[in-house]
């Protein structure tokens, strides 16, 4: 009288529940960003405005490089400060 057991309602989600075992490669960071990435120097929230076209280009460039937008912005800002305001230090 025993019939085949019907699969559970959420049994197809097993693949989603299991964590991926392959580590993601870390992006290459510039020396300025490597120096910044310490445990006690975490990124601080920052808000600004960009023209829509500039924002879109930033998003696409960061995606091409496999990094976050804030990382690309920080690199650009650090390079700007080092070039035009070398006397201002952290």
PDB file of N, CA and C in Angstrom:
ATOM      1  N   UNK A   1       0.782  -1.186   0.000  1.00  0.00           N
ATOM      2  CA  UNK A   1       0.000   0.000   0.000  1.00  0.00           C
ATOM      3  C   UNK A   1       0.835   1.265   0.000  1.00  0.00           C
ATOM      4  N   UNK A   2       2.055   1.019   0.127  1.00  0.00           N
ATOM      5  CA  UNK A   2       2.957   2.146   0.193  1.00  0.00           C
ATOM      6  C   UNK A   2       3.233   2.656  -1.224  1.00  0.00           C
ATOM      7  N   UNK A   3       2.995   3.902  -1.440  1.00  0.00           N
ATOM      8  CA  UNK A   3       3.218   4.525  -2.745  1.00  0.00           C
ATOM      9  C   UNK A   3       4.577   5.219  -2.737  1.00  0.00           C
ATOM     10  N   UNK A   4       5.066   5.531  -3.929  1.00  0.00           N
ATOM     11  CA  UNK A   4       6.327   6.266  -4.005  1.00  0.00           C
ATOM     12  C   UNK A   4       6.168   7.603  -3.297  1.00  0.00           C
ATOM     13  N   UNK A   5       7.201   7.961  -2.546  1.00  0.00           N
ATOM     14  CA  UNK A   5       7.143   9.209  -1.795  1.00  0.00           C
ATOM     15  C   UNK A   5       7.299  10.391  -2.751  1.00  0.00           C
ATOM     16  N   UNK A   6       6.418  11.325  -2.620  1.00  0.00           N
ATOM     17  CA  UNK A   6       6.430  12.532  -3.444  1.00  0.00           C
ATOM     18  C   UNK A   6       7.546  13.458  -2.935  1.00  0.00           C
ATOM     19  N   UNK A   7       8.311  14.076  -3.846  1.00  0.00           N
ATOM     20  CA  UNK A   7       9.378  14.970  -3.383  1.00  0.00           C
ATOM     21  C   UNK A   7       8.790  16.167  -2.628  1.00  0.00           C
ATOM     22  N   UNK A   8       9.562  16.673  -1.691  1.00  0.00           N
ATOM     23  CA  UNK A   8       9.126  17.822  -0.906  1.00  0.00           C
ATOM     24  C   UNK A   8       8.921  19.055  -1.768  1.00  0.00           C
ATOM     25  N   UNK A   9       8.132  19.941  -1.247  1.00  0.00           N
ATOM     26  CA  UNK A   9       7.782  21.149  -1.980  1.00  0.00           C
ATOM     27  C   UNK A   9       9.008  22.012  -2.294  1.00  0.00           C
ATOM     28  N   UNK A  10       9.958  22.036  -1.379  1.00  0.00           N
ATOM     29  CA  UNK A  10      11.130  22.884  -1.559  1.00  0.00           C
ATOM     30  C   UNK A  10      12.399  22.080  -1.837  1.00  0.00           C
ATOM     31  N   UNK A  11      12.251  20.833  -2.240  1.00  0.00           N
ATOM     32  CA  UNK A  11      13.429  19.994  -2.468  1.00  0.00           C
ATOM     33  C   UNK A  11      14.286  20.491  -3.630  1.00  0.00           C
ATOM     34  N   UNK A  12      13.712  21.221  -4.550  1.00  0.00           N
ATOM     35  CA  UNK A  12      14.492  21.728  -5.682  1.00  0.00           C
ATOM     36  C   UNK A  12      15.390  22.892  -5.276  1.00  0.00           C
ATOM     37  N   UNK A  13      15.215  23.398  -4.077  1.00  0.00           N
ATOM     38  CA  UNK A  13      16.019  24.531  -3.629  1.00  0.00           C
ATOM     39  C   UNK A  13      17.337  24.102  -2.988  1.00  0.00           C
ATOM     40  N   UNK A  14      17.608  22.814  -2.914  1.00  0.00           N
ATOM     41  CA  UNK A  14      18.837  22.328  -2.290  1.00  0.00           C
ATOM     42  C   UNK A  14      20.080  22.933  -2.935  1.00  0.00           C
ATOM     43  N   UNK A  15      20.076  23.064  -4.240  1.00  0.00           N
ATOM     44  CA  UNK A  15      21.248  23.623  -4.928  1.00  0.00           C
ATOM     45  C   UNK A  15      21.480  25.074  -4.527  1.00  0.00           C
ATOM     46  N   UNK A  16      20.411  25.782  -4.251  1.00  0.00           N
ATOM     47  CA  UNK A  16      20.540  27.182  -3.859  1.00  0.00           C
ATOM     48  C   UNK A  16      21.063  27.287  -2.433  1.00  0.00           C
ATOM     49  N   UNK A  17      20.633  26.390  -1.568  1.00  0.00           N
ATOM     50  CA  UNK A  17      21.021  26.435  -0.159  1.00  0.00           C
ATOM     51  C   UNK A  17      22.490  26.124   0.056  1.00  0.00           C
ATOM     52  N   UNK A  18      23.072  25.297  -0.794  1.00  0.00           N
ATOM     53  CA  UNK A  18      24.463  24.895  -0.615  1.00  0.00           C
ATOM     54  C   UNK A  18      25.382  26.053  -1.010  1.00  0.00           C
ATOM     55  N   UNK A  19      26.344  26.392  -0.147  1.00  0.00           N
ATOM     56  CA  UNK A  19      27.260  27.484  -0.494  1.00  0.00           C
ATOM     57  C   UNK A  19      28.201  27.065  -1.614  1.00  0.00           C
ATOM     58  N   UNK A  20      28.594  28.029  -2.402  1.00  0.00           N
ATOM     59  CA  UNK A  20      29.530  27.758  -3.487  1.00  0.00           C
ATOM     60  C   UNK A  20      30.918  27.545  -2.902  1.00  0.00           C
ATOM     61  N   UNK A  21      31.625  26.583  -3.435  1.00  0.00           N
ATOM     62  CA  UNK A  21      32.938  26.252  -2.886  1.00  0.00           C
ATOM     63  C   UNK A  21      34.081  26.937  -3.616  1.00  0.00           C
ATOM     64  N   UNK A  22      33.822  27.516  -4.775  1.00  0.00           N
ATOM     65  CA  UNK A  22      34.896  28.168  -5.517  1.00  0.00           C
ATOM     66  C   UNK A  22      35.050  29.605  -5.038  1.00  0.00           C
ATOM     67  N   UNK A  23      36.222  29.985  -4.556  1.00  0.00           N
ATOM     68  CA  UNK A  23      36.413  31.367  -4.111  1.00  0.00           C
ATOM     69  C   UNK A  23      36.502  32.303  -5.309  1.00  0.00           C
ATOM     70  N   UNK A  24      35.988  33.504  -5.124  1.00  0.00           N
ATOM     71  CA  UNK A  24      36.048  34.497  -6.191  1.00  0.00           C
ATOM     72  C   UNK A  24      37.432  35.139  -6.188  1.00  0.00           C
ATOM     73  N   UNK A  25      38.000  35.389  -7.357  1.00  0.00           N
ATOM     74  CA  UNK A  25      39.321  36.017  -7.391  1.00  0.00           C
ATOM     75  C   UNK A  25      39.243  37.460  -6.910  1.00  0.00           C
ATOM     76  N   UNK A  26      40.273  37.873  -6.181  1.00  0.00           N
ATOM     77  CA  UNK A  26      40.303  39.243  -5.691  1.00  0.00           C
ATOM     78  C   UNK A  26      40.778  40.161  -6.813  1.00  0.00           C
ATOM     79  N   UNK A  27      40.133  41.342  -6.955  1.00  0.00           N
ATOM     80  CA  UNK A  27      40.566  42.264  -8.007  1.00  0.00           C
ATOM     81  C   UNK A  27      41.931  42.856  -7.667  1.00  0.00           C
ATOM     82  N   UNK A  28      42.687  43.200  -8.707  1.00  0.00           N
ATOM     83  CA  UNK A  28      43.976  43.847  -8.498  1.00  0.00           C
ATOM     84  C   UNK A  28      43.725  45.260  -8.001  1.00  0.00           C
ATOM     85  N   UNK A  29      44.364  45.612  -6.900  1.00  0.00           N
ATOM     86  CA  UNK A  29      44.191  46.937  -6.330  1.00  0.00           C
ATOM     87  C   UNK A  29      45.449  47.758  -6.560  1.00  0.00           C
ATOM     88  N   UNK A  30      45.255  49.057  -6.719  1.00  0.00           N
ATOM     89  CA  UNK A  30      46.396  49.950  -6.855  1.00  0.00           C
ATOM     90  C   UNK A  30      47.076  50.062  -5.494  1.00  0.00           C
ATOM     91  N   UNK A  31      48.330  50.490  -5.449  1.00  0.00           N
ATOM     92  CA  UNK A  31      49.011  50.637  -4.153  1.00  0.00           C
ATOM     93  C   UNK A  31      48.251  51.541  -3.185  1.00  0.00           C
ATOM     94  N   UNK A  32      47.599  52.579  -3.709  1.00  0.00           N
ATOM     95  CA  UNK A  32      46.846  53.481  -2.837  1.00  0.00           C
ATOM     96  C   UNK A  32      45.684  52.758  -2.173  1.00  0.00           C
ATOM     97  N   UNK A  33      44.999  51.895  -2.921  1.00  0.00           N
ATOM     98  CA  UNK A  33      43.882  51.159  -2.339  1.00  0.00           C
ATOM     99  C   UNK A  33      44.369  50.057  -1.410  1.00  0.00           C
ATOM    100  N   UNK A  34      45.497  49.422  -1.726  1.00  0.00           N
ATOM    101  CA  UNK A  34      46.040  48.393  -0.839  1.00  0.00           C
ATOM    102  C   UNK A  34      46.402  49.000   0.508  1.00  0.00           C
ATOM    103  N   UNK A  35      46.952  50.196   0.492  1.00  0.00           N
ATOM    104  CA  UNK A  35      47.322  50.860   1.735  1.00  0.00           C
ATOM    105  C   UNK A  35      46.086  51.213   2.555  1.00  0.00           C
ATOM    106  N   UNK A  36      44.981  51.464   1.886  1.00  0.00           N
ATOM    107  CA  UNK A  36      43.763  51.872   2.567  1.00  0.00           C
ATOM    108  C   UNK A  36      43.006  50.701   3.174  1.00  0.00           C
ATOM    109  N   UNK A  37      43.140  49.508   2.634  1.00  0.00           N
ATOM    110  CA  UNK A  37      42.307  48.386   3.039  1.00  0.00           C
ATOM    111  C   UNK A  37      42.844  47.699   4.284  1.00  0.00           C
ATOM    112  N   UNK A  38      42.659  48.330   5.421  1.00  0.00           N
ATOM    113  CA  UNK A  38      42.983  47.732   6.707  1.00  0.00           C
ATOM    114  C   UNK A  38      41.701  47.593   7.501  1.00  0.00           C
ATOM    115  N   UNK A  39      41.742  46.771   8.549  1.00  0.00           N
ATOM    116  CA  UNK A  39      40.540  46.533   9.339  1.00  0.00           C
ATOM    117  C   UNK A  39      40.048  47.786  10.054  1.00  0.00           C
ATOM    118  N   UNK A  40      40.963  48.626  10.512  1.00  0.00           N
ATOM    119  CA  UNK A  40      40.548  49.809  11.260  1.00  0.00           C
ATOM    120  C   UNK A  40      40.233  50.995  10.357  1.00  0.00           C
ATOM    121  N   UNK A  41      40.370  50.845   9.057  1.00  0.00           N
ATOM    122  CA  UNK A  41      40.128  51.934   8.111  1.00  0.00           C
ATOM    123  C   UNK A  41      39.038  51.527   7.125  1.00  0.00           C
ATOM    124  N   UNK A  42      37.854  51.270   7.646  1.00  0.00           N
ATOM    125  CA  UNK A  42      36.747  50.822   6.800  1.00  0.00           C
ATOM    126  C   UNK A  42      36.147  52.005   6.043  1.00  0.00           C
ATOM    127  N   UNK A  43      35.575  51.751   4.856  1.00  0.00           N
ATOM    128  CA  UNK A  43      34.956  52.835   4.087  1.00  0.00           C
ATOM    129  C   UNK A  43      33.837  53.514   4.867  1.00  0.00           C
ATOM    130  N   UNK A  44      33.747  54.802   4.694  1.00  0.00           N
ATOM    131  CA  UNK A  44      32.733  55.608   5.361  1.00  0.00           C
ATOM    132  C   UNK A  44      31.697  56.028   4.323  1.00  0.00           C
ATOM    133  N   UNK A  45      30.415  56.039   4.679  1.00  0.00           N
ATOM    134  CA  UNK A  45      29.389  56.443   3.704  1.00  0.00           C
ATOM    135  C   UNK A  45      29.662  57.842   3.148  1.00  0.00           C
ATOM    136  N   UNK A  46      29.408  57.983   1.866  1.00  0.00           N
ATOM    137  CA  UNK A  46      29.653  59.242   1.167  1.00  0.00           C
ATOM    138  C   UNK A  46      28.578  59.388   0.100  1.00  0.00           C
ATOM    139  N   UNK A  47      28.024  60.566  -0.025  1.00  0.00           N
ATOM    140  CA  UNK A  47      26.971  60.779  -1.012  1.00  0.00           C
ATOM    141  C   UNK A  47      27.351  61.948  -1.911  1.00  0.00           C
ATOM    142  N   UNK A  48      27.020  61.821  -3.176  1.00  0.00           N
ATOM    143  CA  UNK A  48      27.296  62.879  -4.131  1.00  0.00           C
ATOM    144  C   UNK A  48      26.333  62.760  -5.301  1.00  0.00           C
ATOM    145  N   UNK A  49      26.473  63.650  -6.256  1.00  0.00           N
ATOM    146  CA  UNK A  49      25.611  63.642  -7.438  1.00  0.00           C
ATOM    147  C   UNK A  49      26.475  63.562  -8.689  1.00  0.00           C
ATOM    148  N   UNK A  50      25.998  62.804  -9.678  1.00  0.00           N
ATOM    149  CA  UNK A  50      26.665  62.691 -10.970  1.00  0.00           C
ATOM    150  C   UNK A  50      25.638  62.878 -12.076  1.00  0.00           C
ATOM    151  N   UNK A  51      26.104  63.352 -13.214  1.00  0.00           N
ATOM    152  CA  UNK A  51      25.222  63.412 -14.376  1.00  0.00           C
ATOM    153  C   UNK A  51      24.865  61.980 -14.763  1.00  0.00           C
ATOM    154  N   UNK A  52      23.661  61.750 -15.287  1.00  0.00           N
ATOM    155  CA  UNK A  52      23.237  60.382 -15.619  1.00  0.00           C
ATOM    156  C   UNK A  52      24.214  59.638 -16.533  1.00  0.00           C
ATOM    157  N   UNK A  53      24.758  60.323 -17.524  1.00  0.00           N
ATOM    158  CA  UNK A  53      25.696  59.669 -18.437  1.00  0.00           C
ATOM    159  C   UNK A  53      26.989  59.263 -17.740  1.00  0.00           C
ATOM    160  N   UNK A  54      27.473  60.121 -16.846  1.00  0.00           N
ATOM    161  CA  UNK A  54      28.690  59.809 -16.096  1.00  0.00           C
ATOM    162  C   UNK A  54      28.450  58.640 -15.159  1.00  0.00           C
ATOM    163  N   UNK A  55      27.302  58.628 -14.527  1.00  0.00           N
ATOM    164  CA  UNK A  55      26.960  57.539 -13.606  1.00  0.00           C
ATOM    165  C   UNK A  55      26.884  56.205 -14.355  1.00  0.00           C
ATOM    166  N   UNK A  56      26.286  56.226 -15.533  1.00  0.00           N
ATOM    167  CA  UNK A  56      26.167  55.009 -16.347  1.00  0.00           C
ATOM    168  C   UNK A  56      27.545  54.510 -16.765  1.00  0.00           C
ATOM    169  N   UNK A  57      28.421  55.438 -17.191  1.00  0.00           N
ATOM    170  CA  UNK A  57      29.770  55.053 -17.599  1.00  0.00           C
ATOM    171  C   UNK A  57      30.567  54.472 -16.431  1.00  0.00           C
ATOM    172  N   UNK A  58      30.403  55.065 -15.249  1.00  0.00           N
ATOM    173  CA  UNK A  58      31.077  54.552 -14.059  1.00  0.00           C
ATOM    174  C   UNK A  58      30.614  53.133 -13.757  1.00  0.00           C
ATOM    175  N   UNK A  59      29.319  52.913 -13.843  1.00  0.00           N
ATOM    176  CA  UNK A  59      28.761  51.587 -13.560  1.00  0.00           C
ATOM    177  C   UNK A  59      29.303  50.557 -14.550  1.00  0.00           C
ATOM    178  N   UNK A  60      29.346  50.906 -15.827  1.00  0.00           N
ATOM    179  CA  UNK A  60      29.842  49.985 -16.849  1.00  0.00           C
ATOM    180  C   UNK A  60      31.338  49.722 -16.685  1.00  0.00           C
ATOM    181  N   UNK A  61      32.104  50.766 -16.387  1.00  0.00           N
ATOM    182  CA  UNK A  61      33.554  50.601 -16.224  1.00  0.00           C
ATOM    183  C   UNK A  61      33.866  49.717 -15.019  1.00  0.00           C
ATOM    184  N   UNK A  62      33.165  49.931 -13.916  1.00  0.00           N
ATOM    185  CA  UNK A  62      33.390  49.112 -12.722  1.00  0.00           C
ATOM    186  C   UNK A  62      33.020  47.658 -12.995  1.00  0.00           C
ATOM    187  N   UNK A  63      31.939  47.444 -13.728  1.00  0.00           N
ATOM    188  CA  UNK A  63      31.520  46.076 -14.056  1.00  0.00           C
ATOM    189  C   UNK A  63      32.555  45.398 -14.946  1.00  0.00           C
ATOM    190  N   UNK A  64      33.100  46.121 -15.912  1.00  0.00           N
ATOM    191  CA  UNK A  64      34.134  45.555 -16.793  1.00  0.00           C
ATOM    192  C   UNK A  64      35.368  45.132 -16.006  1.00  0.00           C
ATOM    193  N   UNK A  65      35.699  45.926 -14.986  1.00  0.00           N
ATOM    194  CA  UNK A  65      36.896  45.654 -14.193  1.00  0.00           C
ATOM    195  C   UNK A  65      36.629  44.678 -13.057  1.00  0.00           C
ATOM    196  N   UNK A  66      35.369  44.326 -12.848  1.00  0.00           N
ATOM    197  CA  UNK A  66      35.026  43.377 -11.797  1.00  0.00           C
ATOM    198  C   UNK A  66      35.182  43.934 -10.398  1.00  0.00           C
ATOM    199  N   UNK A  67      34.896  45.210 -10.236  1.00  0.00           N
ATOM    200  CA  UNK A  67      34.980  45.807  -8.902  1.00  0.00           C
ATOM    201  C   UNK A  67      33.780  46.693  -8.651  1.00  0.00           C
ATOM    202  N   UNK A  68      33.673  47.185  -7.448  1.00  0.00           N
ATOM    203  CA  UNK A  68      32.538  48.017  -7.053  1.00  0.00           C
ATOM    204  C   UNK A  68      32.761  49.450  -7.526  1.00  0.00           C
ATOM    205  N   UNK A  69      31.650  50.182  -7.680  1.00  0.00           N
ATOM    206  CA  UNK A  69      31.743  51.565  -8.132  1.00  0.00           C
ATOM    207  C   UNK A  69      32.527  52.425  -7.148  1.00  0.00           C
ATOM    208  N   UNK A  70      32.323  52.197  -5.851  1.00  0.00           N
ATOM    209  CA  UNK A  70      33.019  53.024  -4.867  1.00  0.00           C
ATOM    210  C   UNK A  70      34.533  52.817  -4.935  1.00  0.00           C
ATOM    211  N   UNK A  71      34.976  51.620  -5.349  1.00  0.00           N
ATOM    212  CA  UNK A  71      36.410  51.374  -5.476  1.00  0.00           C
ATOM    213  C   UNK A  71      36.996  52.178  -6.635  1.00  0.00           C
ATOM    214  N   UNK A  72      36.271  52.246  -7.742  1.00  0.00           N
ATOM    215  CA  UNK A  72      36.729  53.039  -8.885  1.00  0.00           C
ATOM    216  C   UNK A  72      36.737  54.525  -8.530  1.00  0.00           C
ATOM    217  N   UNK A  73      35.696  54.979  -7.826  1.00  0.00           N
ATOM    218  CA  UNK A  73      35.635  56.381  -7.408  1.00  0.00           C
ATOM    219  C   UNK A  73      36.773  56.719  -6.452  1.00  0.00           C
ATOM    220  N   UNK A  74      37.012  55.840  -5.494  1.00  0.00           N
ATOM    221  CA  UNK A  74      38.070  56.113  -4.526  1.00  0.00           C
ATOM    222  C   UNK A  74      39.430  56.183  -5.207  1.00  0.00           C
ATOM    223  N   UNK A  75      39.682  55.279  -6.141  1.00  0.00           N
ATOM    224  CA  UNK A  75      40.949  55.314  -6.866  1.00  0.00           C
ATOM    225  C   UNK A  75      41.096  56.640  -7.614  1.00  0.00           C
ATOM    226  N   UNK A  76      40.040  57.075  -8.281  1.00  0.00           N
ATOM    227  CA  UNK A  76      40.094  58.330  -9.037  1.00  0.00           C
ATOM    228  C   UNK A  76      40.324  59.523  -8.107  1.00  0.00           C
ATOM    229  N   UNK A  77      39.658  59.528  -6.963  1.00  0.00           N
ATOM    230  CA  UNK A  77      39.802  60.643  -6.022  1.00  0.00           C
ATOM    231  C   UNK A  77      41.206  60.663  -5.427  1.00  0.00           C
ATOM    232  N   UNK A  78      41.726  59.493  -5.046  1.00  0.00           N
ATOM    233  CA  UNK A  78      43.079  59.423  -4.482  1.00  0.00           C
ATOM    234  C   UNK A  78      44.103  59.896  -5.507  1.00  0.00           C
ATOM    235  N   UNK A  79      43.961  59.471  -6.759  1.00  0.00           N
ATOM    236  CA  UNK A  79      44.892  59.903  -7.804  1.00  0.00           C
ATOM    237  C   UNK A  79      44.792  61.412  -8.034  1.00  0.00           C
ATOM    238  N   UNK A  80      43.580  61.963  -8.015  1.00  0.00           N
ATOM    239  CA  UNK A  80      43.379  63.406  -8.172  1.00  0.00           C
ATOM    240  C   UNK A  80      44.070  64.165  -7.038  1.00  0.00           C
ATOM    241  N   UNK A  81      43.831  63.719  -5.800  1.00  0.00           N
ATOM    242  CA  UNK A  81      44.428  64.401  -4.651  1.00  0.00           C
ATOM    243  C   UNK A  81      45.954  64.311  -4.680  1.00  0.00           C
ATOM    244  N   UNK A  82      46.485  63.162  -5.036  1.00  0.00           N
ATOM    245  CA  UNK A  82      47.942  63.010  -5.106  1.00  0.00           C
ATOM    246  C   UNK A  82      48.554  63.896  -6.184  1.00  0.00           C
ATOM    247  N   UNK A  83      47.843  64.082  -7.284  1.00  0.00           N
ATOM    248  CA  UNK A  83      48.366  64.874  -8.399  1.00  0.00           C
ATOM    249  C   UNK A  83      48.242  66.375  -8.151  1.00  0.00           C
ATOM    250  N   UNK A  84      47.070  66.831  -7.718  1.00  0.00           N
ATOM    251  CA  UNK A  84      46.811  68.263  -7.619  1.00  0.00           C
ATOM    252  C   UNK A  84      46.943  68.836  -6.207  1.00  0.00           C
ATOM    253  N   UNK A  85      46.930  67.992  -5.206  1.00  0.00           N
ATOM    254  CA  UNK A  85      47.028  68.464  -3.819  1.00  0.00           C
ATOM    255  C   UNK A  85      47.933  67.531  -3.007  1.00  0.00           C
ATOM    256  N   UNK A  86      49.192  67.394  -3.413  1.00  0.00           N
ATOM    257  CA  UNK A  86      50.075  66.451  -2.720  1.00  0.00           C
ATOM    258  C   UNK A  86      50.373  66.848  -1.275  1.00  0.00           C
ATOM    259  N   UNK A  87      50.150  68.113  -0.940  1.00  0.00           N
ATOM    260  CA  UNK A  87      50.423  68.569   0.419  1.00  0.00           C
ATOM    261  C   UNK A  87      49.344  68.132   1.415  1.00  0.00           C
ATOM    262  N   UNK A  88      48.171  67.729   0.931  1.00  0.00           N
ATOM    263  CA  UNK A  88      47.087  67.286   1.815  1.00  0.00           C
ATOM    264  C   UNK A  88      47.244  65.788   2.037  1.00  0.00           C
ATOM    265  N   UNK A  89      47.430  65.388   3.274  1.00  0.00           N
ATOM    266  CA  UNK A  89      47.606  63.974   3.623  1.00  0.00           C
ATOM    267  C   UNK A  89      46.499  63.529   4.559  1.00  0.00           C
ATOM    268  N   UNK A  90      46.359  62.206   4.658  1.00  0.00           N
ATOM    269  CA  UNK A  90      45.323  61.627   5.524  1.00  0.00           C
ATOM    270  C   UNK A  90      45.597  61.924   6.972  1.00  0.00           C
TER     271      UNK A  90
END
